[in-house]
Amino acid sequence: MSLEPNFLDVKIMGREYRVACAPEERDALLAAVDLVDGKMRDIAQRTKNTIAERVAVMAALNIAHEHLSAAGEGLPTEFAEAVDTSETKRRIGDMGARLDAVLAPQQRLDI
């Protein structure tokens, strides 16, 4: 990972990205990179899927779900009810099915 003023080069699943980053946000960005990279590698391994776009979307959905679920914990009931995790899980499943349908032709091309 190279460091230039206001930019940081990072690697996620073996791909390099240059990200704008203020020096005081460097540690937080590196923590986010570790989280995303770990989540993407876990999903790629569990699903045996190597299409980076699909893995990235599923990782983003999983991270968002975890965030929303955690946000619902410890909040007053009226706020916690706004985060319906069963509905969120259903919607994530639907999105995954749609992604599978759209990306199926792409998988045949990756062979």
PDB file of N, CA and C in Angstrom:
ATOM      1  N   MET A   1       0.845  -1.186   0.000  1.00  0.00           N
ATOM      2  CA  MET A   1       0.000   0.000   0.000  1.00  0.00           C
ATOM      3  C   MET A   1       0.886   1.243   0.000  1.00  0.00           C
ATOM      4  N   SER A   2       0.780   2.000  -1.045  1.00  0.00           N
ATOM      5  CA  SER A   2       1.578   3.214  -1.104  1.00  0.00           C
ATOM      6  C   SER A   2       0.767   4.379  -0.561  1.00  0.00           C
ATOM      7  N   LEU A   3       1.479   5.397  -0.175  1.00  0.00           N
ATOM      8  CA  LEU A   3       0.821   6.548   0.436  1.00  0.00           C
ATOM      9  C   LEU A   3       1.282   7.818  -0.248  1.00  0.00           C
ATOM     10  N   GLU A   4       0.344   8.559  -0.800  1.00  0.00           N
ATOM     11  CA  GLU A   4       0.593   9.894  -1.344  1.00  0.00           C
ATOM     12  C   GLU A   4      -0.310  10.835  -0.566  1.00  0.00           C
ATOM     13  N   PRO A   5      -0.014  12.123  -0.578  1.00  0.00           N
ATOM     14  CA  PRO A   5      -0.909  13.053   0.122  1.00  0.00           C
ATOM     15  C   PRO A   5      -2.342  12.906  -0.379  1.00  0.00           C
ATOM     16  N   ASN A   6      -3.265  12.650   0.525  1.00  0.00           N
ATOM     17  CA  ASN A   6      -4.697  12.543   0.258  1.00  0.00           C
ATOM     18  C   ASN A   6      -5.108  11.342  -0.582  1.00  0.00           C
ATOM     19  N   PHE A   7      -4.192  10.417  -0.857  1.00  0.00           N
ATOM     20  CA  PHE A   7      -4.533   9.197  -1.573  1.00  0.00           C
ATOM     21  C   PHE A   7      -3.887   8.015  -0.871  1.00  0.00           C
ATOM     22  N   LEU A   8      -4.567   6.880  -0.959  1.00  0.00           N
ATOM     23  CA  LEU A   8      -4.035   5.658  -0.373  1.00  0.00           C
ATOM     24  C   LEU A   8      -4.314   4.535  -1.351  1.00  0.00           C
ATOM     25  N   ASP A   9      -3.302   3.763  -1.710  1.00  0.00           N
ATOM     26  CA  ASP A   9      -3.490   2.598  -2.569  1.00  0.00           C
ATOM     27  C   ASP A   9      -3.740   1.400  -1.669  1.00  0.00           C
ATOM     28  N   VAL A  10      -4.837   0.705  -1.933  1.00  0.00           N
ATOM     29  CA  VAL A  10      -5.221  -0.448  -1.129  1.00  0.00           C
ATOM     30  C   VAL A  10      -5.494  -1.632  -2.048  1.00  0.00           C
ATOM     31  N   LYS A  11      -5.510  -2.831  -1.475  1.00  0.00           N
ATOM     32  CA  LYS A  11      -5.820  -4.047  -2.219  1.00  0.00           C
ATOM     33  C   LYS A  11      -7.036  -4.704  -1.593  1.00  0.00           C
ATOM     34  N   ILE A  12      -7.988  -5.045  -2.455  1.00  0.00           N
ATOM     35  CA  ILE A  12      -9.163  -5.801  -2.030  1.00  0.00           C
ATOM     36  C   ILE A  12      -9.286  -6.969  -2.989  1.00  0.00           C
ATOM     37  N   MET A  13      -9.250  -8.171  -2.448  1.00  0.00           N
ATOM     38  CA  MET A  13      -9.296  -9.413  -3.240  1.00  0.00           C
ATOM     39  C   MET A  13      -8.285  -9.400  -4.379  1.00  0.00           C
ATOM     40  N   GLY A  14      -7.088  -8.909  -4.081  1.00  0.00           N
ATOM     41  CA  GLY A  14      -6.008  -8.938  -5.050  1.00  0.00           C
ATOM     42  C   GLY A  14      -6.012  -7.812  -6.064  1.00  0.00           C
ATOM     43  N   ARG A  15      -7.034  -6.973  -6.038  1.00  0.00           N
ATOM     44  CA  ARG A  15      -7.092  -5.840  -6.968  1.00  0.00           C
ATOM     45  C   ARG A  15      -6.713  -4.569  -6.235  1.00  0.00           C
ATOM     46  N   GLU A  16      -5.942  -3.723  -6.918  1.00  0.00           N
ATOM     47  CA  GLU A  16      -5.511  -2.469  -6.305  1.00  0.00           C
ATOM     48  C   GLU A  16      -6.473  -1.341  -6.630  1.00  0.00           C
ATOM     49  N   TYR A  17      -6.695  -0.508  -5.639  1.00  0.00           N
ATOM     50  CA  TYR A  17      -7.563   0.655  -5.782  1.00  0.00           C
ATOM     51  C   TYR A  17      -6.866   1.856  -5.159  1.00  0.00           C
ATOM     52  N   ARG A  18      -6.978   2.990  -5.795  1.00  0.00           N
ATOM     53  CA  ARG A  18      -6.484   4.251  -5.235  1.00  0.00           C
ATOM     54  C   ARG A  18      -7.691   4.982  -4.676  1.00  0.00           C
ATOM     55  N   VAL A  19      -7.618   5.325  -3.397  1.00  0.00           N
ATOM     56  CA  VAL A  19      -8.752   5.923  -2.710  1.00  0.00           C
ATOM     57  C   VAL A  19      -8.334   7.272  -2.127  1.00  0.00           C
ATOM     58  N   ALA A  20      -9.176   8.272  -2.331  1.00  0.00           N
ATOM     59  CA  ALA A  20      -8.930   9.572  -1.701  1.00  0.00           C
ATOM     60  C   ALA A  20      -9.094   9.397  -0.200  1.00  0.00           C
ATOM     61  N   CYS A  21      -8.144   9.947   0.547  1.00  0.00           N
ATOM     62  CA  CYS A  21      -8.163   9.723   1.984  1.00  0.00           C
ATOM     63  C   CYS A  21      -7.371  10.815   2.692  1.00  0.00           C
ATOM     64  N   ALA A  22      -8.052  11.509   3.585  1.00  0.00           N
ATOM     65  CA  ALA A  22      -7.349  12.495   4.414  1.00  0.00           C
ATOM     66  C   ALA A  22      -6.455  11.739   5.396  1.00  0.00           C
ATOM     67  N   PRO A  23      -5.296  12.298   5.725  1.00  0.00           N
ATOM     68  CA  PRO A  23      -4.377  11.597   6.625  1.00  0.00           C
ATOM     69  C   PRO A  23      -5.021  11.163   7.948  1.00  0.00           C
ATOM     70  N   GLU A  24      -5.902  11.985   8.480  1.00  0.00           N
ATOM     71  CA  GLU A  24      -6.527  11.629   9.767  1.00  0.00           C
ATOM     72  C   GLU A  24      -7.558  10.504   9.636  1.00  0.00           C
ATOM     73  N   GLU A  25      -7.926  10.139   8.410  1.00  0.00           N
ATOM     74  CA  GLU A  25      -8.894   9.066   8.190  1.00  0.00           C
ATOM     75  C   GLU A  25      -8.230   7.764   7.738  1.00  0.00           C
ATOM     76  N   ARG A  26      -6.912   7.770   7.661  1.00  0.00           N
ATOM     77  CA  ARG A  26      -6.172   6.615   7.147  1.00  0.00           C
ATOM     78  C   ARG A  26      -6.470   5.332   7.919  1.00  0.00           C
ATOM     79  N   ASP A  27      -6.395   5.368   9.233  1.00  0.00           N
ATOM     80  CA  ASP A  27      -6.625   4.155  10.029  1.00  0.00           C
ATOM     81  C   ASP A  27      -8.040   3.617   9.852  1.00  0.00           C
ATOM     82  N   ALA A  28      -9.014   4.516   9.808  1.00  0.00           N
ATOM     83  CA  ALA A  28     -10.396   4.080   9.620  1.00  0.00           C
ATOM     84  C   ALA A  28     -10.581   3.461   8.234  1.00  0.00           C
ATOM     85  N   LEU A  29      -9.951   4.049   7.216  1.00  0.00           N
ATOM     86  CA  LEU A  29     -10.059   3.495   5.871  1.00  0.00           C
ATOM     87  C   LEU A  29      -9.408   2.113   5.807  1.00  0.00           C
ATOM     88  N   LEU A  30      -8.243   1.963   6.411  1.00  0.00           N
ATOM     89  CA  LEU A  30      -7.578   0.655   6.413  1.00  0.00           C
ATOM     90  C   LEU A  30      -8.414  -0.396   7.129  1.00  0.00           C
ATOM     91  N   ALA A  31      -9.098  -0.004   8.192  1.00  0.00           N
ATOM     92  CA  ALA A  31      -9.995  -0.932   8.889  1.00  0.00           C
ATOM     93  C   ALA A  31     -11.159  -1.320   7.977  1.00  0.00           C
ATOM     94  N   ALA A  32     -11.697  -0.353   7.233  1.00  0.00           N
ATOM     95  CA  ALA A  32     -12.786  -0.634   6.303  1.00  0.00           C
ATOM     96  C   ALA A  32     -12.312  -1.566   5.188  1.00  0.00           C
ATOM     97  N   VAL A  33     -11.106  -1.338   4.681  1.00  0.00           N
ATOM     98  CA  VAL A  33     -10.542  -2.202   3.642  1.00  0.00           C
ATOM     99  C   VAL A  33     -10.424  -3.630   4.168  1.00  0.00           C
ATOM    100  N   ASP A  34      -9.921  -3.791   5.383  1.00  0.00           N
ATOM    101  CA  ASP A  34      -9.802  -5.129   5.970  1.00  0.00           C
ATOM    102  C   ASP A  34     -11.164  -5.802   6.100  1.00  0.00           C
ATOM    103  N   LEU A  35     -12.170  -5.049   6.530  1.00  0.00           N
ATOM    104  CA  LEU A  35     -13.516  -5.592   6.682  1.00  0.00           C
ATOM    105  C   LEU A  35     -14.077  -6.036   5.336  1.00  0.00           C
ATOM    106  N   VAL A  36     -13.997  -5.159   4.340  1.00  0.00           N
ATOM    107  CA  VAL A  36     -14.543  -5.472   3.014  1.00  0.00           C
ATOM    108  C   VAL A  36     -13.779  -6.627   2.377  1.00  0.00           C
ATOM    109  N   ASP A  37     -12.459  -6.599   2.440  1.00  0.00           N
ATOM    110  CA  ASP A  37     -11.653  -7.666   1.862  1.00  0.00           C
ATOM    111  C   ASP A  37     -11.978  -9.007   2.515  1.00  0.00           C
ATOM    112  N   GLY A  38     -12.064  -9.013   3.828  1.00  0.00           N
ATOM    113  CA  GLY A  38     -12.388 -10.245   4.539  1.00  0.00           C
ATOM    114  C   GLY A  38     -13.774 -10.766   4.191  1.00  0.00           C
ATOM    115  N   LYS A  39     -14.749  -9.866   4.138  1.00  0.00           N
ATOM    116  CA  LYS A  39     -16.115 -10.257   3.814  1.00  0.00           C
ATOM    117  C   LYS A  39     -16.191 -10.801   2.384  1.00  0.00           C
ATOM    118  N   MET A  40     -15.522 -10.121   1.441  1.00  0.00           N
ATOM    119  CA  MET A  40     -15.548 -10.579   0.054  1.00  0.00           C
ATOM    120  C   MET A  40     -14.863 -11.927  -0.103  1.00  0.00           C
ATOM    121  N   ARG A  41     -13.740 -12.110   0.559  1.00  0.00           N
ATOM    122  CA  ARG A  41     -13.031 -13.403   0.467  1.00  0.00           C
ATOM    123  C   ARG A  41     -13.878 -14.525   1.063  1.00  0.00           C
ATOM    124  N   ASP A  42     -14.552 -14.232   2.173  1.00  0.00           N
ATOM    125  CA  ASP A  42     -15.413 -15.227   2.810  1.00  0.00           C
ATOM    126  C   ASP A  42     -16.563 -15.621   1.880  1.00  0.00           C
ATOM    127  N   ILE A  43     -17.214 -14.636   1.286  1.00  0.00           N
ATOM    128  CA  ILE A  43     -18.332 -14.910   0.380  1.00  0.00           C
ATOM    129  C   ILE A  43     -17.848 -15.662  -0.858  1.00  0.00           C
ATOM    130  N   ALA A  44     -16.726 -15.251  -1.427  1.00  0.00           N
ATOM    131  CA  ALA A  44     -16.186 -15.927  -2.611  1.00  0.00           C
ATOM    132  C   ALA A  44     -15.876 -17.385  -2.301  1.00  0.00           C
ATOM    133  N   GLN A  45     -15.337 -17.637  -1.118  1.00  0.00           N
ATOM    134  CA  GLN A  45     -14.997 -19.002  -0.735  1.00  0.00           C
ATOM    135  C   GLN A  45     -16.253 -19.833  -0.480  1.00  0.00           C
ATOM    136  N   ARG A  46     -17.218 -19.259   0.245  1.00  0.00           N
ATOM    137  CA  ARG A  46     -18.446 -19.999   0.562  1.00  0.00           C
ATOM    138  C   ARG A  46     -19.284 -20.293  -0.671  1.00  0.00           C
ATOM    139  N   THR A  47     -19.345 -19.345  -1.593  1.00  0.00           N
ATOM    140  CA  THR A  47     -20.204 -19.507  -2.775  1.00  0.00           C
ATOM    141  C   THR A  47     -19.463 -20.069  -3.970  1.00  0.00           C
ATOM    142  N   LYS A  48     -18.147 -20.189  -3.863  1.00  0.00           N
ATOM    143  CA  LYS A  48     -17.310 -20.647  -4.981  1.00  0.00           C
ATOM    144  C   LYS A  48     -17.523 -19.769  -6.203  1.00  0.00           C
ATOM    145  N   ASN A  49     -17.750 -18.486  -5.955  1.00  0.00           N
ATOM    146  CA  ASN A  49     -18.023 -17.528  -7.024  1.00  0.00           C
ATOM    147  C   ASN A  49     -16.819 -16.613  -7.184  1.00  0.00           C
ATOM    148  N   THR A  50     -16.376 -16.438  -8.406  1.00  0.00           N
ATOM    149  CA  THR A  50     -15.205 -15.587  -8.642  1.00  0.00           C
ATOM    150  C   THR A  50     -15.555 -14.300  -9.383  1.00  0.00           C
ATOM    151  N   ILE A  51     -16.834 -14.055  -9.638  1.00  0.00           N
ATOM    152  CA  ILE A  51     -17.228 -12.822 -10.306  1.00  0.00           C
ATOM    153  C   ILE A  51     -17.171 -11.700  -9.274  1.00  0.00           C
ATOM    154  N   ALA A  52     -16.200 -10.829  -9.450  1.00  0.00           N
ATOM    155  CA  ALA A  52     -15.932  -9.796  -8.441  1.00  0.00           C
ATOM    156  C   ALA A  52     -17.138  -8.908  -8.178  1.00  0.00           C
ATOM    157  N   GLU A  53     -17.883  -8.561  -9.219  1.00  0.00           N
ATOM    158  CA  GLU A  53     -19.032  -7.677  -9.030  1.00  0.00           C
ATOM    159  C   GLU A  53     -20.086  -8.324  -8.150  1.00  0.00           C
ATOM    160  N   ARG A  54     -20.373  -9.597  -8.387  1.00  0.00           N
ATOM    161  CA  ARG A  54     -21.378 -10.301  -7.577  1.00  0.00           C
ATOM    162  C   ARG A  54     -20.904 -10.427  -6.138  1.00  0.00           C
ATOM    163  N   VAL A  55     -19.655 -10.799  -5.955  1.00  0.00           N
ATOM    164  CA  VAL A  55     -19.101 -10.941  -4.606  1.00  0.00           C
ATOM    165  C   VAL A  55     -19.138  -9.593  -3.887  1.00  0.00           C
ATOM    166  N   ALA A  56     -18.804  -8.512  -4.599  1.00  0.00           N
ATOM    167  CA  ALA A  56     -18.815  -7.180  -3.983  1.00  0.00           C
ATOM    168  C   ALA A  56     -20.215  -6.770  -3.559  1.00  0.00           C
ATOM    169  N   VAL A  57     -21.205  -7.030  -4.418  1.00  0.00           N
ATOM    170  CA  VAL A  57     -22.583  -6.665  -4.065  1.00  0.00           C
ATOM    171  C   VAL A  57     -23.066  -7.476  -2.876  1.00  0.00           C
ATOM    172  N   MET A  58     -22.785  -8.771  -2.864  1.00  0.00           N
ATOM    173  CA  MET A  58     -23.219  -9.604  -1.743  1.00  0.00           C
ATOM    174  C   MET A  58     -22.512  -9.179  -0.455  1.00  0.00           C
ATOM    175  N   ALA A  59     -21.234  -8.830  -0.542  1.00  0.00           N
ATOM    176  CA  ALA A  59     -20.510  -8.342   0.640  1.00  0.00           C
ATOM    177  C   ALA A  59     -21.128  -7.041   1.137  1.00  0.00           C
ATOM    178  N   ALA A  60     -21.439  -6.134   0.210  1.00  0.00           N
ATOM    179  CA  ALA A  60     -22.057  -4.859   0.603  1.00  0.00           C
ATOM    180  C   ALA A  60     -23.402  -5.089   1.269  1.00  0.00           C
ATOM    181  N   LEU A  61     -24.194  -5.993   0.717  1.00  0.00           N
ATOM    182  CA  LEU A  61     -25.498  -6.289   1.315  1.00  0.00           C
ATOM    183  C   LEU A  61     -25.336  -6.899   2.708  1.00  0.00           C
ATOM    184  N   ASN A  62     -24.381  -7.803   2.855  1.00  0.00           N
ATOM    185  CA  ASN A  62     -24.142  -8.412   4.164  1.00  0.00           C
ATOM    186  C   ASN A  62     -23.676  -7.380   5.187  1.00  0.00           C
ATOM    187  N   ILE A  63     -22.765  -6.520   4.787  1.00  0.00           N
ATOM    188  CA  ILE A  63     -22.268  -5.486   5.700  1.00  0.00           C
ATOM    189  C   ILE A  63     -23.393  -4.534   6.075  1.00  0.00           C
ATOM    190  N   ALA A  64     -24.214  -4.144   5.087  1.00  0.00           N
ATOM    191  CA  ALA A  64     -25.343  -3.253   5.368  1.00  0.00           C
ATOM    192  C   ALA A  64     -26.333  -3.919   6.317  1.00  0.00           C
ATOM    193  N   HIS A  65     -26.604  -5.185   6.093  1.00  0.00           N
ATOM    194  CA  HIS A  65     -27.528  -5.910   6.974  1.00  0.00           C
ATOM    195  C   HIS A  65     -26.990  -5.973   8.397  1.00  0.00           C
ATOM    196  N   GLU A  66     -25.705  -6.287   8.528  1.00  0.00           N
ATOM    197  CA  GLU A  66     -25.095  -6.334   9.865  1.00  0.00           C
ATOM    198  C   GLU A  66     -25.169  -4.969  10.533  1.00  0.00           C
ATOM    199  N   HIS A  67     -24.912  -3.931   9.770  1.00  0.00           N
ATOM    200  CA  HIS A  67     -24.965  -2.572  10.309  1.00  0.00           C
ATOM    201  C   HIS A  67     -26.380  -2.218  10.764  1.00  0.00           C
ATOM    202  N   LEU A  68     -27.362  -2.506   9.911  1.00  0.00           N
ATOM    203  CA  LEU A  68     -28.742  -2.189  10.265  1.00  0.00           C
ATOM    204  C   LEU A  68     -29.237  -3.023  11.442  1.00  0.00           C
ATOM    205  N   SER A  69     -28.819  -4.275  11.495  1.00  0.00           N
ATOM    206  CA  SER A  69     -29.206  -5.128  12.627  1.00  0.00           C
ATOM    207  C   SER A  69     -28.604  -4.604  13.918  1.00  0.00           C
ATOM    208  N   ALA A  70     -27.335  -4.207  13.861  1.00  0.00           N
ATOM    209  CA  ALA A  70     -26.672  -3.669  15.053  1.00  0.00           C
ATOM    210  C   ALA A  70     -27.281  -2.336  15.445  1.00  0.00           C
ATOM    211  N   ALA A  71     -27.674  -1.539  14.447  1.00  0.00           N
ATOM    212  CA  ALA A  71     -28.277  -0.238  14.743  1.00  0.00           C
ATOM    213  C   ALA A  71     -29.595  -0.415  15.466  1.00  0.00           C
ATOM    214  N   GLY A  72     -30.299  -1.504  15.184  1.00  0.00           N
ATOM    215  CA  GLY A  72     -31.586  -1.763  15.830  1.00  0.00           C
ATOM    216  C   GLY A  72     -31.444  -2.201  17.279  1.00  0.00           C
ATOM    217  N   GLU A  73     -30.278  -2.739  17.646  1.00  0.00           N
ATOM    218  CA  GLU A  73     -30.057  -3.204  19.013  1.00  0.00           C
ATOM    219  C   GLU A  73     -29.806  -2.018  19.933  1.00  0.00           C
ATOM    220  N   GLY A  74     -30.454  -2.005  21.060  1.00  0.00           N
ATOM    221  CA  GLY A  74     -30.217  -0.976  22.053  1.00  0.00           C
ATOM    222  C   GLY A  74     -30.974   0.307  21.795  1.00  0.00           C
ATOM    223  N   LEU A  75     -31.758   0.349  20.736  1.00  0.00           N
ATOM    224  CA  LEU A  75     -32.550   1.535  20.450  1.00  0.00           C
ATOM    225  C   LEU A  75     -33.944   1.376  21.061  1.00  0.00           C
ATOM    226  N   PRO A  76     -34.622   2.476  21.317  1.00  0.00           N
ATOM    227  CA  PRO A  76     -36.006   2.376  21.765  1.00  0.00           C
ATOM    228  C   PRO A  76     -36.823   1.573  20.752  1.00  0.00           C
ATOM    229  N   THR A  77     -37.859   0.903  21.221  1.00  0.00           N
ATOM    230  CA  THR A  77     -38.655  -0.002  20.393  1.00  0.00           C
ATOM    231  C   THR A  77     -39.144   0.639  19.110  1.00  0.00           C
ATOM    232  N   GLU A  78     -39.619   1.884  19.168  1.00  0.00           N
ATOM    233  CA  GLU A  78     -40.153   2.499  17.945  1.00  0.00           C
ATOM    234  C   GLU A  78     -39.086   2.656  16.872  1.00  0.00           C
ATOM    235  N   PHE A  79     -37.812   2.829  17.273  1.00  0.00           N
ATOM    236  CA  PHE A  79     -36.740   2.921  16.289  1.00  0.00           C
ATOM    237  C   PHE A  79     -36.295   1.535  15.846  1.00  0.00           C
ATOM    238  N   ALA A  80     -36.227   0.603  16.767  1.00  0.00           N
ATOM    239  CA  ALA A  80     -35.808  -0.752  16.429  1.00  0.00           C
ATOM    240  C   ALA A  80     -36.786  -1.393  15.462  1.00  0.00           C
ATOM    241  N   GLU A  81     -38.087  -1.081  15.584  1.00  0.00           N
ATOM    242  CA  GLU A  81     -39.077  -1.648  14.676  1.00  0.00           C
ATOM    243  C   GLU A  81     -38.884  -1.150  13.254  1.00  0.00           C
ATOM    244  N   ALA A  82     -38.238  -0.008  13.088  1.00  0.00           N
ATOM    245  CA  ALA A  82     -37.988   0.521  11.751  1.00  0.00           C
ATOM    246  C   ALA A  82     -36.996  -0.352  10.997  1.00  0.00           C
ATOM    247  N   VAL A  83     -36.208  -1.148  11.715  1.00  0.00           N
ATOM    248  CA  VAL A  83     -35.250  -2.047  11.101  1.00  0.00           C
ATOM    249  C   VAL A  83     -35.812  -3.461  11.222  1.00  0.00           C
ATOM    250  N   ASP A  84     -36.522  -3.903  10.185  1.00  0.00           N
ATOM    251  CA  ASP A  84     -37.134  -5.221  10.166  1.00  0.00           C
ATOM    252  C   ASP A  84     -36.133  -6.182   9.533  1.00  0.00           C
ATOM    253  N   THR A  85     -35.417  -6.933  10.360  1.00  0.00           N
ATOM    254  CA  THR A  85     -34.355  -7.785   9.825  1.00  0.00           C
ATOM    255  C   THR A  85     -34.903  -8.929   8.993  1.00  0.00           C
ATOM    256  N   SER A  86     -36.079  -9.461   9.293  1.00  0.00           N
ATOM    257  CA  SER A  86     -36.618 -10.547   8.474  1.00  0.00           C
ATOM    258  C   SER A  86     -36.922 -10.048   7.069  1.00  0.00           C
ATOM    259  N   GLU A  87     -37.476  -8.864   6.972  1.00  0.00           N
ATOM    260  CA  GLU A  87     -37.748  -8.269   5.658  1.00  0.00           C
ATOM    261  C   GLU A  87     -36.433  -7.972   4.942  1.00  0.00           C
ATOM    262  N   THR A  88     -35.449  -7.498   5.684  1.00  0.00           N
ATOM    263  CA  THR A  88     -34.141  -7.211   5.085  1.00  0.00           C
ATOM    264  C   THR A  88     -33.517  -8.491   4.549  1.00  0.00           C
ATOM    265  N   LYS A  89     -33.575  -9.565   5.321  1.00  0.00           N
ATOM    266  CA  LYS A  89     -33.020 -10.845   4.865  1.00  0.00           C
ATOM    267  C   LYS A  89     -33.737 -11.338   3.618  1.00  0.00           C
ATOM    268  N   ARG A  90     -35.058 -11.192   3.585  1.00  0.00           N
ATOM    269  CA  ARG A  90     -35.830 -11.617   2.417  1.00  0.00           C
ATOM    270  C   ARG A  90     -35.407 -10.813   1.188  1.00  0.00           C
ATOM    271  N   ARG A  91     -35.277  -9.499   1.377  1.00  0.00           N
ATOM    272  CA  ARG A  91     -34.899  -8.641   0.254  1.00  0.00           C
ATOM    273  C   ARG A  91     -33.484  -8.950  -0.225  1.00  0.00           C
ATOM    274  N   ILE A  92     -32.564  -9.232   0.703  1.00  0.00           N
ATOM    275  CA  ILE A  92     -31.199  -9.596   0.315  1.00  0.00           C
ATOM    276  C   ILE A  92     -31.228 -10.896  -0.482  1.00  0.00           C
ATOM    277  N   GLY A  93     -32.039 -11.858  -0.045  1.00  0.00           N
ATOM    278  CA  GLY A  93     -32.185 -13.109  -0.794  1.00  0.00           C
ATOM    279  C   GLY A  93     -32.721 -12.873  -2.195  1.00  0.00           C
ATOM    280  N   ASP A  94     -33.729 -12.006  -2.305  1.00  0.00           N
ATOM    281  CA  ASP A  94     -34.289 -11.667  -3.623  1.00  0.00           C
ATOM    282  C   ASP A  94     -33.231 -11.010  -4.513  1.00  0.00           C
ATOM    283  N   MET A  95     -32.446 -10.085  -3.931  1.00  0.00           N
ATOM    284  CA  MET A  95     -31.404  -9.417  -4.707  1.00  0.00           C
ATOM    285  C   MET A  95     -30.354 -10.423  -5.176  1.00  0.00           C
ATOM    286  N   GLY A  96     -30.004 -11.356  -4.298  1.00  0.00           N
ATOM    287  CA  GLY A  96     -29.036 -12.387  -4.672  1.00  0.00           C
ATOM    288  C   GLY A  96     -29.540 -13.240  -5.827  1.00  0.00           C
ATOM    289  N   ALA A  97     -30.833 -13.596  -5.785  1.00  0.00           N
ATOM    290  CA  ALA A  97     -31.421 -14.385  -6.869  1.00  0.00           C
ATOM    291  C   ALA A  97     -31.419 -13.606  -8.178  1.00  0.00           C
ATOM    292  N   ARG A  98     -31.734 -12.327  -8.110  1.00  0.00           N
ATOM    293  CA  ARG A  98     -31.711 -11.490  -9.320  1.00  0.00           C
ATOM    294  C   ARG A  98     -30.297 -11.390  -9.878  1.00  0.00           C
ATOM    295  N   LEU A  99     -29.320 -11.207  -8.970  1.00  0.00           N
ATOM    296  CA  LEU A  99     -27.927 -11.137  -9.421  1.00  0.00           C
ATOM    297  C   LEU A  99     -27.505 -12.434 -10.094  1.00  0.00           C
ATOM    298  N   ASP A 100     -27.896 -13.560  -9.500  1.00  0.00           N
ATOM    299  CA  ASP A 100     -27.564 -14.854 -10.100  1.00  0.00           C
ATOM    300  C   ASP A 100     -28.126 -14.956 -11.512  1.00  0.00           C
ATOM    301  N   ALA A 101     -29.379 -14.529 -11.683  1.00  0.00           N
ATOM    302  CA  ALA A 101     -30.021 -14.619 -12.994  1.00  0.00           C
ATOM    303  C   ALA A 101     -29.323 -13.713 -14.012  1.00  0.00           C
ATOM    304  N   VAL A 102     -28.967 -12.511 -13.590  1.00  0.00           N
ATOM    305  CA  VAL A 102     -28.341 -11.562 -14.509  1.00  0.00           C
ATOM    306  C   VAL A 102     -26.906 -11.960 -14.817  1.00  0.00           C
ATOM    307  N   LEU A 103     -26.186 -12.488 -13.833  1.00  0.00           N
ATOM    308  CA  LEU A 103     -24.770 -12.777 -14.021  1.00  0.00           C
ATOM    309  C   LEU A 103     -24.500 -14.198 -14.526  1.00  0.00           C
ATOM    310  N   ALA A 104     -25.510 -15.039 -14.623  1.00  0.00           N
ATOM    311  CA  ALA A 104     -25.307 -16.416 -15.093  1.00  0.00           C
ATOM    312  C   ALA A 104     -24.620 -16.453 -16.462  1.00  0.00           C
ATOM    313  N   PRO A 105     -25.060 -15.625 -17.430  1.00  0.00           N
ATOM    314  CA  PRO A 105     -24.342 -15.628 -18.718  1.00  0.00           C
ATOM    315  C   PRO A 105     -22.877 -15.212 -18.571  1.00  0.00           C
ATOM    316  N   GLN A 106     -22.581 -14.317 -17.650  1.00  0.00           N
ATOM    317  CA  GLN A 106     -21.210 -13.858 -17.406  1.00  0.00           C
ATOM    318  C   GLN A 106     -20.351 -15.008 -16.910  1.00  0.00           C
ATOM    319  N   GLN A 107     -20.902 -15.873 -16.053  1.00  0.00           N
ATOM    320  CA  GLN A 107     -20.137 -16.990 -15.522  1.00  0.00           C
ATOM    321  C   GLN A 107     -19.690 -17.921 -16.639  1.00  0.00           C
ATOM    322  N   ARG A 108     -20.545 -18.133 -17.613  1.00  0.00           N
ATOM    323  CA  ARG A 108     -20.171 -18.993 -18.732  1.00  0.00           C
ATOM    324  C   ARG A 108     -19.008 -18.388 -19.517  1.00  0.00           C
ATOM    325  N   LEU A 109     -18.928 -17.063 -19.571  1.00  0.00           N
ATOM    326  CA  LEU A 109     -17.849 -16.404 -20.292  1.00  0.00           C
ATOM    327  C   LEU A 109     -16.529 -16.473 -19.541  1.00  0.00           C
ATOM    328  N   ASP A 110     -16.577 -16.581 -18.194  1.00  0.00           N
ATOM    329  CA  ASP A 110     -15.358 -16.596 -17.381  1.00  0.00           C
ATOM    330  C   ASP A 110     -14.598 -17.907 -17.465  1.00  0.00           C
ATOM    331  N   ILE A 111     -15.154 -18.922 -18.042  1.00  0.00           N
ATOM    332  CA  ILE A 111     -14.526 -20.244 -18.077  1.00  0.00           C
ATOM    333  C   ILE A 111     -13.316 -20.255 -18.910  1.00  0.00           C
TER     334      ILE A 111
END
